[in-house]
Amino acid sequence: MRITNIGSCCIDHVYSVPHFVMPGETLTSTSYAIHPGGKGLNQSLALAKAGAEVHHAGMIGQDGVWLKERLEKFGVNTQCLAVINAPTGHASIQINPEGENAIVITGGANRQIEAGDIQGWLAHIEPDNYVLIQNEISNLDAVFEASAAAKQRLIFNTAPMGSNVMDLPLEQVELFILNEIEAHAITGENDPKHILAAMIELYPAASTILTLGAAGAIFKNRQEELHQSAIEAEVIDTTGAGDTFTGFFLAHYANKRPIAECLSMAAKAASICVARPGAATSIPDLSEVMKL
């Protein structure tokens, strides 16, 4: 089963800091590194490492050609990843001693994607495959339109949450992947039980994965509800953990594995990810996850 990920590619500038910078403060970092990133790229790498057939569609600048090479190294098809005359998206990431992060992103080439590009990327795909999106590219409404026209199955990880999400025809989504902040923005609810009940009321044909950090994750639709505990790990850097969870879950979901197995594999992969620095560079291989 093919997964087409229409998603962002970013260059991550990562700063280790004693605490997140305060207004008016100049703070010296204890270390600095450059990593491949962007939620789209991270999820494509996680999908590929988990064994999925993944095609990454999007845009980068000349300064981001190495990101394309990175994707190809791990088996991602990049025929629909265009190199344009614009800077690649980038992120400035602060990591505190507890492994938490604070991130500022600039869209760059990710915000140059036009409706015609999206239509071209999806025009010749066989029906009943998957399209994965996040909220870091332009013209998401065109993804919904083109996915429906191509009879694709839509997976939506709404991060980072924005007001534009509620203007989209969300009834087309087969599977939502949300954290508590994103879920509250959609439903107005705070309690996980109430969030999931509201998602079913709003989108009865969809399934939802609600990720809860250290409390694990819950999968729910009209037929079933499954809970997955987080797997204990030494936390060094949480950047990319959600993307790792998403990629490993979807790789097994697309392969029609039982939901409990999909959740377990995703939780194991995320536990390895948080114990390493970086985002894309911290995503484990399937063999590492299988050992757990």
C-alpha atoms as a PDB file:
ATOM      1  CA  MET A   1       0.000   0.000   0.000  1.00  0.00           C
ATOM      2  CA  ARG A   2       1.500   3.320  -1.093  1.00  0.00           C
ATOM      3  CA  ILE A   3       1.619   6.328   1.242  1.00  0.00           C
ATOM      4  CA  THR A   4       2.110   9.719  -0.391  1.00  0.00           C
ATOM      5  CA  ASN A   5       3.287  12.219   2.199  1.00  0.00           C
ATOM      6  CA  ILE A   6       2.707  15.786   1.017  1.00  0.00           C
ATOM      7  CA  GLY A   7       4.794  17.425   3.682  1.00  0.00           C
ATOM      8  CA  SER A   8       7.433  19.840   4.811  1.00  0.00           C
ATOM      9  CA  CYS A   9      11.193  19.563   4.674  1.00  0.00           C
ATOM     10  CA  CYS A  10      13.223  21.752   7.020  1.00  0.00           C
ATOM     11  CA  ILE A  11      16.752  22.383   8.145  1.00  0.00           C
ATOM     12  CA  ASP A  12      16.799  22.244  11.949  1.00  0.00           C
ATOM     13  CA  HIS A  13      19.158  24.504  13.884  1.00  0.00           C
ATOM     14  CA  VAL A  14      19.293  22.942  17.358  1.00  0.00           C
ATOM     15  CA  TYR A  15      20.554  24.763  20.456  1.00  0.00           C
ATOM     16  CA  SER A  16      21.051  23.103  23.844  1.00  0.00           C
ATOM     17  CA  VAL A  17      20.201  25.690  26.491  1.00  0.00           C
ATOM     18  CA  PRO A  18      20.086  25.780  30.314  1.00  0.00           C
ATOM     19  CA  HIS A  19      16.508  27.085  30.039  1.00  0.00           C
ATOM     20  CA  PHE A  20      14.239  28.480  27.320  1.00  0.00           C
ATOM     21  CA  VAL A  21      15.182  32.034  26.459  1.00  0.00           C
ATOM     22  CA  MET A  22      13.138  34.716  28.254  1.00  0.00           C
ATOM     23  CA  PRO A  23      11.866  38.000  26.729  1.00  0.00           C
ATOM     24  CA  GLY A  24      14.762  40.445  26.480  1.00  0.00           C
ATOM     25  CA  GLU A  25      17.326  37.802  27.417  1.00  0.00           C
ATOM     26  CA  THR A  26      20.453  36.873  25.443  1.00  0.00           C
ATOM     27  CA  LEU A  27      21.316  33.262  26.214  1.00  0.00           C
ATOM     28  CA  THR A  28      24.461  31.317  25.356  1.00  0.00           C
ATOM     29  CA  SER A  29      23.831  27.769  24.151  1.00  0.00           C
ATOM     30  CA  THR A  30      25.918  24.888  25.445  1.00  0.00           C
ATOM     31  CA  SER A  31      25.928  23.170  22.036  1.00  0.00           C
ATOM     32  CA  TYR A  32      24.719  23.675  18.474  1.00  0.00           C
ATOM     33  CA  ALA A  33      23.943  21.244  15.668  1.00  0.00           C
ATOM     34  CA  ILE A  34      22.246  21.168  12.268  1.00  0.00           C
ATOM     35  CA  HIS A  35      19.859  18.282  11.540  1.00  0.00           C
ATOM     36  CA  PRO A  36      17.356  17.351   8.812  1.00  0.00           C
ATOM     37  CA  GLY A  37      13.814  18.044   9.981  1.00  0.00           C
ATOM     38  CA  GLY A  38      10.305  19.217   9.248  1.00  0.00           C
ATOM     39  CA  LYS A  39       7.311  17.131  10.271  1.00  0.00           C
ATOM     40  CA  GLY A  40       6.851  15.894   6.718  1.00  0.00           C
ATOM     41  CA  LEU A  41      10.443  14.742   6.291  1.00  0.00           C
ATOM     42  CA  ASN A  42      10.518  13.176   9.762  1.00  0.00           C
ATOM     43  CA  GLN A  43       7.349  11.198   9.109  1.00  0.00           C
ATOM     44  CA  SER A  44       8.534  10.046   5.671  1.00  0.00           C
ATOM     45  CA  LEU A  45      11.771   8.774   7.204  1.00  0.00           C
ATOM     46  CA  ALA A  46       9.870   7.026   9.996  1.00  0.00           C
ATOM     47  CA  LEU A  47       7.529   5.420   7.470  1.00  0.00           C
ATOM     48  CA  ALA A  48      10.430   4.211   5.342  1.00  0.00           C
ATOM     49  CA  LYS A  49      12.381   2.894   8.329  1.00  0.00           C
ATOM     50  CA  ALA A  50       9.253   1.044   9.459  1.00  0.00           C
ATOM     51  CA  GLY A  51       9.031  -0.669   6.072  1.00  0.00           C
ATOM     52  CA  ALA A  52       6.354   1.351   4.247  1.00  0.00           C
ATOM     53  CA  GLU A  53       6.308   2.320   0.581  1.00  0.00           C
ATOM     54  CA  VAL A  54       6.449   6.096   0.925  1.00  0.00           C
ATOM     55  CA  HIS A  55       6.599   8.855  -1.669  1.00  0.00           C
ATOM     56  CA  HIS A  56       7.491  12.318  -0.378  1.00  0.00           C
ATOM     57  CA  ALA A  57       5.962  15.281  -2.227  1.00  0.00           C
ATOM     58  CA  GLY A  58       6.920  18.853  -1.456  1.00  0.00           C
ATOM     59  CA  MET A  59       9.435  21.615  -2.128  1.00  0.00           C
ATOM     60  CA  ILE A  60      12.946  22.541  -1.041  1.00  0.00           C
ATOM     61  CA  GLY A  61      15.525  25.124  -2.100  1.00  0.00           C
ATOM     62  CA  GLN A  62      19.025  24.491  -3.380  1.00  0.00           C
ATOM     63  CA  ASP A  63      20.242  24.728   0.208  1.00  0.00           C
ATOM     64  CA  GLY A  64      18.099  21.682   1.024  1.00  0.00           C
ATOM     65  CA  VAL A  65      19.226  19.221  -1.655  1.00  0.00           C
ATOM     66  CA  TRP A  66      20.997  17.250   1.067  1.00  0.00           C
ATOM     67  CA  LEU A  67      17.577  16.635   2.661  1.00  0.00           C
ATOM     68  CA  LYS A  68      16.407  14.987  -0.555  1.00  0.00           C
ATOM     69  CA  GLU A  69      19.519  12.831  -0.579  1.00  0.00           C
ATOM     70  CA  ARG A  70      18.839  11.849   3.019  1.00  0.00           C
ATOM     71  CA  LEU A  71      15.322  10.701   2.164  1.00  0.00           C
ATOM     72  CA  GLU A  72      16.569   8.714  -0.813  1.00  0.00           C
ATOM     73  CA  LYS A  73      19.255   7.052   1.318  1.00  0.00           C
ATOM     74  CA  PHE A  74      16.533   5.412   3.412  1.00  0.00           C
ATOM     75  CA  GLY A  75      14.344   4.376   0.477  1.00  0.00           C
ATOM     76  CA  VAL A  76      11.880   7.271   0.199  1.00  0.00           C
ATOM     77  CA  ASN A  77      10.726   7.992  -3.373  1.00  0.00           C
ATOM     78  CA  THR A  78      11.439  11.705  -4.037  1.00  0.00           C
ATOM     79  CA  GLN A  79      10.242  12.087  -7.630  1.00  0.00           C
ATOM     80  CA  CYS A  80       7.666  14.608  -6.408  1.00  0.00           C
ATOM     81  CA  LEU A  81      10.068  16.584  -4.195  1.00  0.00           C
ATOM     82  CA  ALA A  82      10.820  19.689  -6.263  1.00  0.00           C
ATOM     83  CA  VAL A  83      13.890  21.927  -5.928  1.00  0.00           C
ATOM     84  CA  ILE A  84      12.851  25.548  -6.440  1.00  0.00           C
ATOM     85  CA  ASN A  85      14.371  29.034  -6.266  1.00  0.00           C
ATOM     86  CA  ALA A  86      13.494  29.738  -2.639  1.00  0.00           C
ATOM     87  CA  PRO A  87      15.135  29.006   0.710  1.00  0.00           C
ATOM     88  CA  THR A  88      14.347  25.671   2.311  1.00  0.00           C
ATOM     89  CA  GLY A  89      12.151  25.861   5.392  1.00  0.00           C
ATOM     90  CA  HIS A  90      14.042  25.925   8.648  1.00  0.00           C
ATOM     91  CA  ALA A  91      13.498  25.683  12.388  1.00  0.00           C
ATOM     92  CA  SER A  92      15.273  27.126  15.401  1.00  0.00           C
ATOM     93  CA  ILE A  93      14.963  24.607  18.226  1.00  0.00           C
ATOM     94  CA  GLN A  94      15.875  25.107  21.890  1.00  0.00           C
ATOM     95  CA  ILE A  95      16.396  21.950  23.970  1.00  0.00           C
ATOM     96  CA  ASN A  96      16.441  22.286  27.772  1.00  0.00           C
ATOM     97  CA  PRO A  97      18.121  19.862  30.219  1.00  0.00           C
ATOM     98  CA  GLU A  98      14.834  17.965  30.651  1.00  0.00           C
ATOM     99  CA  GLY A  99      14.729  17.197  26.934  1.00  0.00           C
ATOM    100  CA  GLU A 100      11.768  19.509  26.266  1.00  0.00           C
ATOM    101  CA  ASN A 101      11.829  21.737  23.203  1.00  0.00           C
ATOM    102  CA  ALA A 102      10.718  25.183  22.075  1.00  0.00           C
ATOM    103  CA  ILE A 103      10.578  25.665  18.310  1.00  0.00           C
ATOM    104  CA  VAL A 104      10.255  28.565  15.872  1.00  0.00           C
ATOM    105  CA  ILE A 105       9.736  27.573  12.223  1.00  0.00           C
ATOM    106  CA  THR A 106       9.976  29.463   8.935  1.00  0.00           C
ATOM    107  CA  GLY A 107       8.047  27.925   6.049  1.00  0.00           C
ATOM    108  CA  GLY A 108      10.342  28.860   3.147  1.00  0.00           C
ATOM    109  CA  ALA A 109       9.799  26.570   0.147  1.00  0.00           C
ATOM    110  CA  ASN A 110       7.155  24.622   2.074  1.00  0.00           C
ATOM    111  CA  ARG A 111       4.864  27.637   1.700  1.00  0.00           C
ATOM    112  CA  GLN A 112       5.374  27.885  -2.073  1.00  0.00           C
ATOM    113  CA  ILE A 113       3.347  24.776  -2.950  1.00  0.00           C
ATOM    114  CA  GLU A 114       0.494  25.578  -5.354  1.00  0.00           C
ATOM    115  CA  ALA A 115      -2.767  23.747  -6.070  1.00  0.00           C
ATOM    116  CA  GLY A 116      -1.490  22.705  -9.501  1.00  0.00           C
ATOM    117  CA  ASP A 117       1.555  21.051  -7.954  1.00  0.00           C
ATOM    118  CA  ILE A 118      -0.660  18.992  -5.654  1.00  0.00           C
ATOM    119  CA  GLN A 119      -2.992  17.964  -8.463  1.00  0.00           C
ATOM    120  CA  GLY A 120      -0.023  16.789 -10.519  1.00  0.00           C
ATOM    121  CA  TRP A 121       1.425  14.764  -7.635  1.00  0.00           C
ATOM    122  CA  LEU A 122      -1.828  12.871  -7.052  1.00  0.00           C
ATOM    123  CA  ALA A 123      -3.183  12.621 -10.587  1.00  0.00           C
ATOM    124  CA  HIS A 124      -1.800   9.203 -11.512  1.00  0.00           C
ATOM    125  CA  ILE A 125      -1.978   7.264  -8.237  1.00  0.00           C
ATOM    126  CA  GLU A 126      -4.166   4.175  -8.106  1.00  0.00           C
ATOM    127  CA  PRO A 127      -7.319   4.639  -5.966  1.00  0.00           C
ATOM    128  CA  ASP A 128      -7.492   3.477  -2.349  1.00  0.00           C
ATOM    129  CA  ASN A 129      -3.936   4.383  -1.381  1.00  0.00           C
ATOM    130  CA  TYR A 130      -3.050   6.804   1.425  1.00  0.00           C
ATOM    131  CA  VAL A 131      -2.230  10.500   1.480  1.00  0.00           C
ATOM    132  CA  LEU A 132      -0.620  11.853   4.653  1.00  0.00           C
ATOM    133  CA  ILE A 133      -0.529  15.545   5.515  1.00  0.00           C
ATOM    134  CA  GLN A 134       0.532  17.794   8.354  1.00  0.00           C
ATOM    135  CA  ASN A 135      -0.021  21.556   8.722  1.00  0.00           C
ATOM    136  CA  GLU A 136       3.355  22.931   7.597  1.00  0.00           C
ATOM    137  CA  ILE A 137       2.672  23.462   3.867  1.00  0.00           C
ATOM    138  CA  SER A 138       0.545  25.853   1.831  1.00  0.00           C
ATOM    139  CA  ASN A 139      -2.747  25.053   0.067  1.00  0.00           C
ATOM    140  CA  LEU A 140      -3.947  22.193   2.239  1.00  0.00           C
ATOM    141  CA  ASP A 141      -7.446  22.730   0.846  1.00  0.00           C
ATOM    142  CA  ALA A 142      -6.095  21.656  -2.553  1.00  0.00           C
ATOM    143  CA  VAL A 143      -4.804  18.428  -0.978  1.00  0.00           C
ATOM    144  CA  PHE A 144      -8.305  17.614   0.222  1.00  0.00           C
ATOM    145  CA  GLU A 145      -9.776  18.354  -3.217  1.00  0.00           C
ATOM    146  CA  ALA A 146      -7.129  16.412  -5.142  1.00  0.00           C
ATOM    147  CA  SER A 147      -7.251  13.463  -2.708  1.00  0.00           C
ATOM    148  CA  ALA A 148     -10.998  13.167  -3.158  1.00  0.00           C
ATOM    149  CA  ALA A 149     -10.671  13.361  -6.947  1.00  0.00           C
ATOM    150  CA  ALA A 150      -7.987  10.637  -6.922  1.00  0.00           C
ATOM    151  CA  LYS A 151     -10.001   8.515  -4.448  1.00  0.00           C
ATOM    152  CA  GLN A 152      -7.198   8.499  -1.891  1.00  0.00           C
ATOM    153  CA  ARG A 153      -7.548   7.790   1.844  1.00  0.00           C
ATOM    154  CA  LEU A 154      -6.577  10.853   3.862  1.00  0.00           C
ATOM    155  CA  ILE A 155      -4.551  10.818   7.080  1.00  0.00           C
ATOM    156  CA  PHE A 156      -4.235  14.171   8.884  1.00  0.00           C
ATOM    157  CA  ASN A 157      -1.730  15.004  11.611  1.00  0.00           C
ATOM    158  CA  THR A 158      -2.902  18.552  12.368  1.00  0.00           C
ATOM    159  CA  ALA A 159       0.398  19.759  13.852  1.00  0.00           C
ATOM    160  CA  PRO A 160       1.190  22.558  14.168  1.00  0.00           C
ATOM    161  CA  MET A 161      -2.424  23.504  14.846  1.00  0.00           C
ATOM    162  CA  GLY A 162      -3.706  26.653  13.137  1.00  0.00           C
ATOM    163  CA  SER A 163      -7.042  28.354  12.528  1.00  0.00           C
ATOM    164  CA  ASN A 164      -6.928  27.176   8.898  1.00  0.00           C
ATOM    165  CA  VAL A 165      -7.583  23.588   9.982  1.00  0.00           C
ATOM    166  CA  MET A 166     -11.206  24.248  10.878  1.00  0.00           C
ATOM    167  CA  ASP A 167     -11.867  25.676   7.412  1.00  0.00           C
ATOM    168  CA  LEU A 168     -10.977  22.348   5.773  1.00  0.00           C
ATOM    169  CA  PRO A 169     -13.530  19.617   4.868  1.00  0.00           C
ATOM    170  CA  LEU A 170     -12.437  17.409   7.748  1.00  0.00           C
ATOM    171  CA  GLU A 171     -15.232  14.909   7.112  1.00  0.00           C
ATOM    172  CA  GLN A 172     -12.964  13.501   4.363  1.00  0.00           C
ATOM    173  CA  VAL A 173     -10.323  12.373   6.883  1.00  0.00           C
ATOM    174  CA  GLU A 174     -10.062   8.635   7.591  1.00  0.00           C
ATOM    175  CA  LEU A 175      -7.630   8.971  10.499  1.00  0.00           C
ATOM    176  CA  PHE A 176      -6.765  11.958  12.697  1.00  0.00           C
ATOM    177  CA  ILE A 177      -3.517  11.989  14.688  1.00  0.00           C
ATOM    178  CA  LEU A 178      -3.788  14.657  17.396  1.00  0.00           C
ATOM    179  CA  ASN A 179      -2.163  15.718  20.623  1.00  0.00           C
ATOM    180  CA  GLU A 180      -4.207  17.266  23.422  1.00  0.00           C
ATOM    181  CA  ILE A 181      -3.665  20.857  22.257  1.00  0.00           C
ATOM    182  CA  GLU A 182      -4.750  20.098  18.691  1.00  0.00           C
ATOM    183  CA  ALA A 183      -7.690  18.007  19.883  1.00  0.00           C
ATOM    184  CA  HIS A 184      -8.892  20.804  22.165  1.00  0.00           C
ATOM    185  CA  ALA A 185      -8.755  23.271  19.266  1.00  0.00           C
ATOM    186  CA  ILE A 186     -10.995  20.990  17.201  1.00  0.00           C
ATOM    187  CA  THR A 187     -13.451  19.851  19.890  1.00  0.00           C
ATOM    188  CA  GLY A 188     -13.299  22.472  22.643  1.00  0.00           C
ATOM    189  CA  GLU A 189     -12.830  19.641  25.157  1.00  0.00           C
ATOM    190  CA  ASN A 190      -9.930  19.013  27.549  1.00  0.00           C
ATOM    191  CA  ASP A 191     -10.558  15.607  29.072  1.00  0.00           C
ATOM    192  CA  PRO A 192      -9.379  12.766  26.772  1.00  0.00           C
ATOM    193  CA  LYS A 193     -12.657  10.866  27.202  1.00  0.00           C
ATOM    194  CA  HIS A 194     -14.679  13.919  26.193  1.00  0.00           C
ATOM    195  CA  ILE A 195     -12.291  14.748  23.337  1.00  0.00           C
ATOM    196  CA  LEU A 196     -12.690  11.303  21.778  1.00  0.00           C
ATOM    197  CA  ALA A 197     -16.454  11.315  22.222  1.00  0.00           C
ATOM    198  CA  ALA A 198     -16.619  14.718  20.523  1.00  0.00           C
ATOM    199  CA  MET A 199     -14.461  13.522  17.621  1.00  0.00           C
ATOM    200  CA  ILE A 200     -16.866  10.659  16.971  1.00  0.00           C
ATOM    201  CA  GLU A 201     -19.827  13.027  17.102  1.00  0.00           C
ATOM    202  CA  LEU A 202     -18.153  15.498  14.737  1.00  0.00           C
ATOM    203  CA  TYR A 203     -16.580  12.944  12.351  1.00  0.00           C
ATOM    204  CA  PRO A 204     -18.364   9.609  12.815  1.00  0.00           C
ATOM    205  CA  ALA A 205     -16.640   7.925   9.867  1.00  0.00           C
ATOM    206  CA  ALA A 206     -13.133   8.719  11.122  1.00  0.00           C
ATOM    207  CA  SER A 207     -10.756   7.137  13.609  1.00  0.00           C
ATOM    208  CA  THR A 208      -8.672   9.240  15.991  1.00  0.00           C
ATOM    209  CA  ILE A 209      -5.350   8.678  17.699  1.00  0.00           C
ATOM    210  CA  LEU A 210      -4.974  10.971  20.700  1.00  0.00           C
ATOM    211  CA  THR A 211      -1.360  11.152  21.870  1.00  0.00           C
ATOM    212  CA  LEU A 212      -0.892  11.935  25.557  1.00  0.00           C
ATOM    213  CA  GLY A 213       2.875  12.157  26.054  1.00  0.00           C
ATOM    214  CA  ALA A 214       3.962  10.208  29.117  1.00  0.00           C
ATOM    215  CA  ALA A 215       0.388   8.916  29.486  1.00  0.00           C
ATOM    216  CA  GLY A 216       0.610   7.067  26.162  1.00  0.00           C
ATOM    217  CA  ALA A 217      -1.988   7.185  23.404  1.00  0.00           C
ATOM    218  CA  ILE A 218      -5.583   6.189  22.683  1.00  0.00           C
ATOM    219  CA  PHE A 219      -7.052   4.960  19.393  1.00  0.00           C
ATOM    220  CA  LYS A 220     -10.821   5.305  19.045  1.00  0.00           C
ATOM    221  CA  ASN A 221     -13.537   5.000  16.427  1.00  0.00           C
ATOM    222  CA  ARG A 222     -17.165   3.901  16.522  1.00  0.00           C
ATOM    223  CA  GLN A 223     -16.198   0.229  16.734  1.00  0.00           C
ATOM    224  CA  GLU A 224     -13.301   0.104  19.194  1.00  0.00           C
ATOM    225  CA  GLU A 225     -11.146   1.907  21.724  1.00  0.00           C
ATOM    226  CA  LEU A 226      -7.574   0.860  22.486  1.00  0.00           C
ATOM    227  CA  HIS A 227      -5.115   2.325  24.997  1.00  0.00           C
ATOM    228  CA  GLN A 228      -1.339   2.212  24.623  1.00  0.00           C
ATOM    229  CA  SER A 229       0.965   3.006  27.528  1.00  0.00           C
ATOM    230  CA  ALA A 230       4.127   4.996  26.954  1.00  0.00           C
ATOM    231  CA  ILE A 231       7.299   2.945  27.220  1.00  0.00           C
ATOM    232  CA  GLU A 232       9.717   4.162  29.853  1.00  0.00           C
ATOM    233  CA  ALA A 233      12.911   5.683  28.481  1.00  0.00           C
ATOM    234  CA  GLU A 234      15.624   8.122  29.458  1.00  0.00           C
ATOM    235  CA  VAL A 235      14.508  11.375  27.828  1.00  0.00           C
ATOM    236  CA  ILE A 236      17.239  13.350  26.073  1.00  0.00           C
ATOM    237  CA  ASP A 237      15.263  15.130  23.334  1.00  0.00           C
ATOM    238  CA  THR A 238      11.543  14.824  22.561  1.00  0.00           C
ATOM    239  CA  THR A 239      11.857  16.506  19.140  1.00  0.00           C
ATOM    240  CA  GLY A 240      10.587  14.103  16.493  1.00  0.00           C
ATOM    241  CA  ALA A 241       9.005  11.627  18.897  1.00  0.00           C
ATOM    242  CA  GLY A 242       5.492  12.363  17.667  1.00  0.00           C
ATOM    243  CA  ASP A 243       6.596  12.047  14.047  1.00  0.00           C
ATOM    244  CA  THR A 244       8.284   8.736  14.813  1.00  0.00           C
ATOM    245  CA  PHE A 245       5.096   7.477  16.475  1.00  0.00           C
ATOM    246  CA  THR A 246       3.051   8.595  13.466  1.00  0.00           C
ATOM    247  CA  GLY A 247       5.332   6.975  10.895  1.00  0.00           C
ATOM    248  CA  PHE A 248       5.602   3.620  12.628  1.00  0.00           C
ATOM    249  CA  PHE A 249       1.871   3.483  13.348  1.00  0.00           C
ATOM    250  CA  LEU A 250       0.919   4.298   9.750  1.00  0.00           C
ATOM    251  CA  ALA A 251       3.415   1.876   8.231  1.00  0.00           C
ATOM    252  CA  HIS A 252       1.724  -0.980  10.067  1.00  0.00           C
ATOM    253  CA  TYR A 253      -1.793   0.459   9.689  1.00  0.00           C
ATOM    254  CA  ALA A 254      -1.367   0.623   5.903  1.00  0.00           C
ATOM    255  CA  ASN A 255      -0.208  -2.983   5.986  1.00  0.00           C
ATOM    256  CA  LYS A 256      -3.524  -3.891   7.688  1.00  0.00           C
ATOM    257  CA  ARG A 257      -1.934  -4.998  10.943  1.00  0.00           C
ATOM    258  CA  PRO A 258      -4.109  -5.108  14.109  1.00  0.00           C
ATOM    259  CA  ILE A 259      -4.451  -1.698  15.743  1.00  0.00           C
ATOM    260  CA  ALA A 260      -2.960  -2.960  19.015  1.00  0.00           C
ATOM    261  CA  GLU A 261       0.171  -4.025  17.115  1.00  0.00           C
ATOM    262  CA  CYS A 262       0.338  -0.672  15.299  1.00  0.00           C
ATOM    263  CA  LEU A 263       0.162   1.195  18.616  1.00  0.00           C
ATOM    264  CA  SER A 264       2.749  -1.032  20.266  1.00  0.00           C
ATOM    265  CA  MET A 265       5.268  -0.610  17.449  1.00  0.00           C
ATOM    266  CA  ALA A 266       4.722   3.154  17.421  1.00  0.00           C
ATOM    267  CA  ALA A 267       5.218   3.461  21.185  1.00  0.00           C
ATOM    268  CA  LYS A 268       8.404   1.390  21.089  1.00  0.00           C
ATOM    269  CA  ALA A 269       9.816   3.488  18.243  1.00  0.00           C
ATOM    270  CA  ALA A 270       9.002   6.746  20.057  1.00  0.00           C
ATOM    271  CA  SER A 271      10.701   5.491  23.237  1.00  0.00           C
ATOM    272  CA  ILE A 272      13.933   4.945  21.298  1.00  0.00           C
ATOM    273  CA  CYS A 273      13.607   8.331  19.602  1.00  0.00           C
ATOM    274  CA  VAL A 274      13.380  10.365  22.849  1.00  0.00           C
ATOM    275  CA  ALA A 275      16.560   8.759  24.167  1.00  0.00           C
ATOM    276  CA  ARG A 276      18.581  10.297  21.310  1.00  0.00           C
ATOM    277  CA  PRO A 277      19.345  13.888  20.246  1.00  0.00           C
ATOM    278  CA  GLY A 278      17.831  15.374  17.099  1.00  0.00           C
ATOM    279  CA  ALA A 279      14.623  14.725  15.172  1.00  0.00           C
ATOM    280  CA  ALA A 280      15.161  12.866  11.897  1.00  0.00           C
ATOM    281  CA  THR A 281      18.521  11.597  13.148  1.00  0.00           C
ATOM    282  CA  SER A 282      16.902   9.958  16.191  1.00  0.00           C
ATOM    283  CA  ILE A 283      14.367   7.797  14.323  1.00  0.00           C
ATOM    284  CA  PRO A 284      15.161   4.110  14.889  1.00  0.00           C
ATOM    285  CA  ASP A 285      15.324   1.322  12.343  1.00  0.00           C
ATOM    286  CA  LEU A 286      12.652  -1.370  12.362  1.00  0.00           C
ATOM    287  CA  SER A 287      15.197  -3.923  13.616  1.00  0.00           C
ATOM    288  CA  GLU A 288      15.835  -1.814  16.717  1.00  0.00           C
ATOM    289  CA  VAL A 289      12.133  -1.564  17.440  1.00  0.00           C
ATOM    290  CA  MET A 290      11.629  -5.281  16.971  1.00  0.00           C
ATOM    291  CA  LYS A 291      14.251  -5.979  19.657  1.00  0.00           C
ATOM    292  CA  LEU A 292      12.002  -4.296  22.233  1.00  0.00           C
END
